[in-house]
N, C-alpha and C. Protein backbone atom coordinates (compact mmCIF):
# COMPACT_ATOMS: atom_id res chain seq x y z
N MET A 1 0.84 -1.21 0.08
CA MET A 1 0.02 0.02 0.03
C MET A 1 0.90 1.27 0.01
N ALA A 2 0.58 2.20 -0.79
CA ALA A 2 1.32 3.43 -0.96
C ALA A 2 1.13 4.35 0.19
N ASN A 3 2.18 5.16 0.59
CA ASN A 3 1.95 6.16 1.68
C ASN A 3 0.99 7.23 1.16
N MET A 4 0.30 7.70 2.08
CA MET A 4 -0.37 9.01 1.75
C MET A 4 0.54 10.13 1.68
N SER A 5 0.22 11.09 0.82
CA SER A 5 1.22 12.23 0.65
C SER A 5 1.50 12.93 1.82
N TYR A 6 0.51 13.13 2.74
CA TYR A 6 0.76 13.92 3.87
C TYR A 6 1.67 13.27 4.95
N CYS A 7 1.85 12.05 4.89
CA CYS A 7 2.77 11.34 5.85
C CYS A 7 3.83 10.41 5.10
N ARG A 8 3.94 10.55 3.88
CA ARG A 8 4.97 9.78 3.08
C ARG A 8 6.29 9.71 3.68
N PHE A 9 6.90 10.96 3.92
CA PHE A 9 8.26 11.06 4.49
C PHE A 9 8.31 10.61 5.90
N GLU A 10 7.38 10.88 6.77
CA GLU A 10 7.34 10.30 8.07
C GLU A 10 7.37 8.79 8.06
N ASN A 11 6.48 8.23 7.32
CA ASN A 11 6.42 6.79 7.36
C ASN A 11 7.65 6.08 6.68
N THR A 12 8.13 6.62 5.69
CA THR A 12 9.36 6.25 5.07
C THR A 12 10.52 6.31 5.99
N TYR A 13 10.65 7.36 6.70
CA TYR A 13 11.73 7.59 7.67
C TYR A 13 11.70 6.44 8.61
N HIS A 14 10.67 6.08 9.12
CA HIS A 14 10.64 5.06 10.21
C HIS A 14 11.05 3.65 9.51
N ASP A 15 10.56 3.29 8.35
CA ASP A 15 10.95 2.15 7.64
C ASP A 15 12.46 2.16 7.35
N LEU A 16 12.98 3.37 6.82
CA LEU A 16 14.33 3.43 6.57
C LEU A 16 15.18 3.26 7.74
N LYS A 17 14.70 3.88 8.88
CA LYS A 17 15.52 3.69 10.13
C LYS A 17 15.69 2.19 10.56
N ASP A 18 14.66 1.51 10.38
CA ASP A 18 14.55 0.00 10.69
C ASP A 18 15.54 -0.76 9.79
N CYS A 19 15.60 -0.36 8.49
CA CYS A 19 16.67 -0.93 7.65
C CYS A 19 17.99 -0.67 7.95
N TYR A 20 18.29 0.67 8.39
CA TYR A 20 19.49 1.14 8.89
C TYR A 20 19.95 0.41 10.06
N GLU A 21 19.06 0.14 11.00
CA GLU A 21 19.42 -0.54 12.18
C GLU A 21 19.81 -2.09 11.89
N ALA A 22 19.11 -2.66 10.92
CA ALA A 22 19.33 -4.04 10.47
C ALA A 22 20.69 -4.05 9.85
N LEU A 23 21.16 -3.07 9.06
CA LEU A 23 22.37 -2.91 8.48
C LEU A 23 23.48 -2.85 9.54
N ASN A 24 23.22 -2.05 10.48
CA ASN A 24 24.25 -1.80 11.58
C ASN A 24 24.40 -3.06 12.46
N GLU A 25 23.34 -3.85 12.68
CA GLU A 25 23.45 -5.04 13.48
C GLU A 25 24.20 -6.12 12.82
N ALA A 26 24.24 -6.18 11.48
CA ALA A 26 24.93 -7.15 10.67
C ALA A 26 26.37 -6.75 10.79
N ASP A 27 27.25 -7.79 10.63
CA ASP A 27 28.65 -7.46 10.56
C ASP A 27 29.02 -6.83 9.34
N SER A 28 28.42 -7.20 8.29
CA SER A 28 28.69 -6.69 6.93
C SER A 28 27.41 -6.84 6.02
N LEU A 29 27.49 -6.18 4.93
CA LEU A 29 26.41 -6.42 3.91
C LEU A 29 26.31 -7.92 3.52
N GLU A 30 27.45 -8.60 3.36
CA GLU A 30 27.49 -9.99 2.92
C GLU A 30 26.80 -10.84 3.99
N SER A 31 26.99 -10.57 5.28
CA SER A 31 26.43 -11.37 6.41
C SER A 31 24.97 -11.16 6.45
N LEU A 32 24.56 -9.89 6.16
CA LEU A 32 23.05 -9.63 6.12
C LEU A 32 22.42 -10.28 4.88
N GLU A 33 23.07 -10.26 3.77
CA GLU A 33 22.60 -10.88 2.60
C GLU A 33 22.44 -12.43 2.72
N GLN A 34 23.21 -12.99 3.69
CA GLN A 34 23.07 -14.43 3.92
C GLN A 34 21.71 -14.77 4.75
N THR A 35 21.20 -13.82 5.32
CA THR A 35 20.13 -14.07 6.24
C THR A 35 18.74 -13.75 5.47
N VAL A 36 18.78 -13.20 4.24
CA VAL A 36 17.51 -12.83 3.59
C VAL A 36 17.43 -13.74 2.27
N ASN A 37 16.17 -13.78 1.84
CA ASN A 37 16.03 -14.42 0.59
C ASN A 37 16.49 -13.75 -0.66
N GLU A 38 16.61 -14.48 -1.81
CA GLU A 38 17.17 -13.94 -2.99
C GLU A 38 16.46 -12.57 -3.38
N TYR A 39 15.12 -12.60 -3.40
CA TYR A 39 14.31 -11.41 -3.72
C TYR A 39 14.79 -10.16 -2.89
N GLU A 40 14.84 -10.44 -1.60
CA GLU A 40 15.33 -9.30 -0.74
C GLU A 40 16.72 -8.82 -0.87
N LYS A 41 17.62 -9.71 -1.28
CA LYS A 41 19.04 -9.37 -1.50
C LYS A 41 19.28 -8.13 -2.42
N LYS A 42 18.59 -8.17 -3.60
CA LYS A 42 18.83 -7.16 -4.52
C LYS A 42 18.34 -5.76 -4.02
N PHE A 43 17.44 -5.78 -3.07
CA PHE A 43 16.86 -4.57 -2.62
C PHE A 43 17.76 -3.95 -1.59
N ILE A 44 18.57 -4.68 -0.83
CA ILE A 44 19.56 -4.16 0.12
C ILE A 44 20.49 -3.22 -0.63
N GLN A 45 21.11 -3.72 -1.69
CA GLN A 45 22.06 -2.87 -2.52
C GLN A 45 21.25 -1.63 -3.15
N LYS A 46 20.08 -1.89 -3.67
CA LYS A 46 19.28 -0.84 -4.29
C LYS A 46 18.96 0.27 -3.26
N LEU A 47 18.69 -0.11 -2.03
CA LEU A 47 18.38 0.84 -0.98
C LEU A 47 19.65 1.68 -0.62
N VAL A 48 20.76 0.96 -0.49
CA VAL A 48 21.93 1.73 -0.24
C VAL A 48 22.34 2.71 -1.28
N GLU A 49 22.19 2.24 -2.58
CA GLU A 49 22.47 3.15 -3.70
C GLU A 49 21.53 4.32 -3.74
N LEU A 50 20.25 4.14 -3.49
CA LEU A 50 19.26 5.15 -3.45
C LEU A 50 19.51 6.18 -2.32
N CYS A 51 20.02 5.79 -1.22
CA CYS A 51 20.40 6.71 -0.21
C CYS A 51 21.54 7.51 -0.52
N LYS A 52 22.50 7.01 -1.30
CA LYS A 52 23.59 7.66 -1.82
C LYS A 52 23.08 8.68 -2.75
N ASP A 53 22.24 8.35 -3.65
CA ASP A 53 21.70 9.29 -4.63
C ASP A 53 21.03 10.49 -4.01
N ILE A 54 20.24 10.19 -2.91
CA ILE A 54 19.47 11.28 -2.20
C ILE A 54 20.53 12.25 -1.61
N VAL A 55 21.53 11.68 -0.91
CA VAL A 55 22.55 12.55 -0.33
C VAL A 55 23.28 13.38 -1.44
N ASP A 56 23.70 12.76 -2.49
CA ASP A 56 24.33 13.46 -3.55
C ASP A 56 23.52 14.55 -4.15
N GLU A 57 22.29 14.28 -4.34
CA GLU A 57 21.36 15.27 -5.03
C GLU A 57 20.79 16.30 -4.07
N PHE A 58 20.53 16.03 -2.81
CA PHE A 58 19.91 16.88 -1.90
C PHE A 58 20.59 17.18 -0.62
N GLY A 59 21.81 16.57 -0.37
CA GLY A 59 22.46 16.77 0.79
C GLY A 59 22.90 18.14 1.04
N ASP A 60 23.52 18.84 0.00
CA ASP A 60 24.01 20.20 0.12
C ASP A 60 22.90 21.22 0.36
N ALA A 61 21.74 20.92 -0.33
CA ALA A 61 20.63 21.81 -0.21
C ALA A 61 20.15 21.82 1.20
N LEU A 62 20.04 20.66 1.76
CA LEU A 62 19.56 20.47 3.22
C LEU A 62 20.45 21.18 4.05
N HIS A 63 21.81 20.98 3.85
CA HIS A 63 22.77 21.68 4.73
C HIS A 63 22.68 23.15 4.58
N GLU A 64 22.50 23.74 3.45
CA GLU A 64 22.31 25.08 3.29
C GLU A 64 21.03 25.68 3.93
N ASP A 65 20.02 24.85 3.93
CA ASP A 65 18.71 25.23 4.73
C ASP A 65 18.96 25.38 6.12
N SER A 66 19.71 24.44 6.70
CA SER A 66 19.89 24.54 8.03
C SER A 66 20.82 25.67 8.57
N LYS A 67 21.63 26.22 7.68
CA LYS A 67 22.37 27.40 7.93
C LYS A 67 21.63 28.60 8.14
N ASN A 68 20.50 28.66 7.39
CA ASN A 68 19.66 29.80 7.41
C ASN A 68 18.67 29.88 8.69
N ASP A 69 18.67 28.83 9.42
CA ASP A 69 17.75 28.72 10.62
C ASP A 69 18.26 29.50 11.78
């Protein structure tokens, strides 16, 4: 089910934080990938790459916004 637009980022934040904690609890990406099925494995790497893209594209803009507060 898709997130409603008014809470999309809040809901996604909590889900992403859960994924982040799972990554931190694992010794490495390889050990985490050993505990999930083949379908899920490809999404671990996709998630990490998407997070990098978000930081690359929006990280500086967010940093600039916080300077103005």
